[in-house]
Amino acid sequence: MALEPYVLDFSGIGLISLLGSALGGDGAVAGVIGAALVLASAAFLPYAMAAAAGAMHYVVVEELMPETVRSGTTDVATLGFIAGFAVVMFLDNALG
């Protein structure tokens, strides 16, 4: 039994092109929807970014400072970090 080469059948090339275009069109639709959501949420974005930054600060203090975990003062250290950060932000805005 000899191996026969694949035979290309171009009879349905129009249908295949149409299906390929239809399947690729969802990216453009999703892009338009995403852009509309970004424009609609422009007022909310700074607050969402601030919440994400706060969560990152919390993780840094809770997880990357092992000496506070060993001594059992994680809550005190976290609150101290938050208070210090708030003072720095206040002075940054007050002093320009």
Protein backbone atom coordinates (compact mmCIF):
# COMPACT_ATOMS: atom_id res chain seq x y z
CA MET A 1 0.00 0.00 0.00
CA ALA A 2 1.61 3.19 -1.17
CA LEU A 3 1.08 6.52 0.54
CA GLU A 4 -0.85 8.86 -1.68
CA PRO A 5 -0.30 12.60 -1.44
CA TYR A 6 -3.08 14.74 -0.09
CA VAL A 7 -5.34 16.18 -2.75
CA LEU A 8 -6.53 19.71 -2.18
CA ASP A 9 -10.15 20.32 -3.00
CA PHE A 10 -10.77 24.01 -3.68
CA SER A 11 -14.46 23.64 -4.44
CA GLY A 12 -15.55 25.06 -1.06
CA ILE A 13 -12.98 27.88 -0.85
CA GLY A 14 -15.66 30.57 -0.80
CA LEU A 15 -17.47 28.91 2.08
CA ILE A 16 -14.23 28.40 3.97
CA SER A 17 -13.25 32.04 3.48
CA LEU A 18 -16.64 33.17 4.72
CA LEU A 19 -16.44 30.94 7.79
CA GLY A 20 -12.90 32.12 8.56
CA SER A 21 -13.96 35.73 8.34
CA ALA A 22 -16.97 35.12 10.55
CA LEU A 23 -14.91 33.31 13.18
CA GLY A 24 -12.26 36.03 13.16
CA GLY A 25 -14.80 38.82 13.48
CA ASP A 26 -15.50 38.17 17.13
CA GLY A 27 -12.18 39.81 18.04
CA ALA A 28 -13.27 43.09 16.51
CA VAL A 29 -16.62 42.95 18.28
CA ALA A 30 -14.92 42.20 21.63
CA GLY A 31 -12.52 45.09 21.02
CA VAL A 32 -15.37 47.53 20.48
CA ILE A 33 -17.16 46.28 23.59
CA GLY A 34 -13.95 46.57 25.62
CA ALA A 35 -13.32 50.10 24.42
CA ALA A 36 -16.88 51.10 25.30
CA LEU A 37 -16.47 49.63 28.79
CA VAL A 38 -13.23 51.53 29.33
CA LEU A 39 -14.86 54.78 28.25
CA ALA A 40 -17.85 54.13 30.50
CA SER A 41 -15.72 53.26 33.50
CA ALA A 42 -13.29 56.17 33.26
CA ALA A 43 -14.69 57.72 36.43
CA PHE A 44 -14.43 54.42 38.33
CA LEU A 45 -10.92 53.49 37.18
CA PRO A 46 -8.91 55.58 39.70
CA TYR A 47 -10.81 54.03 42.61
CA ALA A 48 -10.31 50.53 41.25
CA MET A 49 -6.59 51.18 40.82
CA ALA A 50 -6.38 52.56 44.37
CA ALA A 51 -8.08 49.44 45.72
CA ALA A 52 -5.65 47.23 43.81
CA ALA A 53 -2.69 49.22 45.16
CA GLY A 54 -4.05 48.91 48.70
CA ALA A 55 -4.39 45.17 48.29
CA MET A 56 -0.80 44.94 47.06
CA HIS A 57 0.45 46.95 50.04
CA TYR A 58 -1.46 44.68 52.39
CA VAL A 59 0.08 41.56 50.84
CA VAL A 60 3.56 43.05 51.06
CA VAL A 61 3.17 43.83 54.75
CA GLU A 62 1.45 40.57 55.69
CA GLU A 63 3.49 38.13 53.62
CA LEU A 64 6.89 39.66 53.00
CA MET A 65 7.71 40.74 56.54
CA PRO A 66 8.24 37.39 58.27
CA GLU A 67 9.54 38.86 61.53
CA THR A 68 6.09 40.26 62.29
CA VAL A 69 4.59 36.81 61.80
CA ARG A 70 7.14 35.22 64.13
CA SER A 71 6.52 37.76 66.88
CA GLY A 72 2.73 37.58 66.45
CA THR A 73 2.27 41.30 65.83
CA THR A 74 1.07 41.20 62.26
CA ASP A 75 -2.00 43.37 62.90
CA VAL A 76 0.02 46.06 64.69
CA ALA A 77 2.63 46.08 61.91
CA THR A 78 -0.05 46.28 59.22
CA LEU A 79 -1.86 49.15 60.92
CA GLY A 80 1.46 50.94 61.47
CA PHE A 81 2.32 50.60 57.82
CA ILE A 82 -1.10 51.91 56.78
CA ALA A 83 -0.82 54.88 59.15
CA GLY A 84 2.69 55.70 57.94
CA PHE A 85 1.61 55.45 54.32
CA ALA A 86 -1.36 57.74 55.00
CA VAL A 87 0.94 60.33 56.62
CA VAL A 88 3.32 60.20 53.66
CA MET A 89 0.44 60.66 51.19
CA PHE A 90 -0.98 63.54 53.23
CA LEU A 91 2.38 65.30 53.37
CA ASP A 92 2.94 64.70 49.67
CA ASN A 93 -0.35 66.36 48.80
CA ALA A 94 -0.08 69.13 51.41
CA LEU A 95 3.47 70.15 50.53
CA GLY A 96 3.13 69.73 46.80
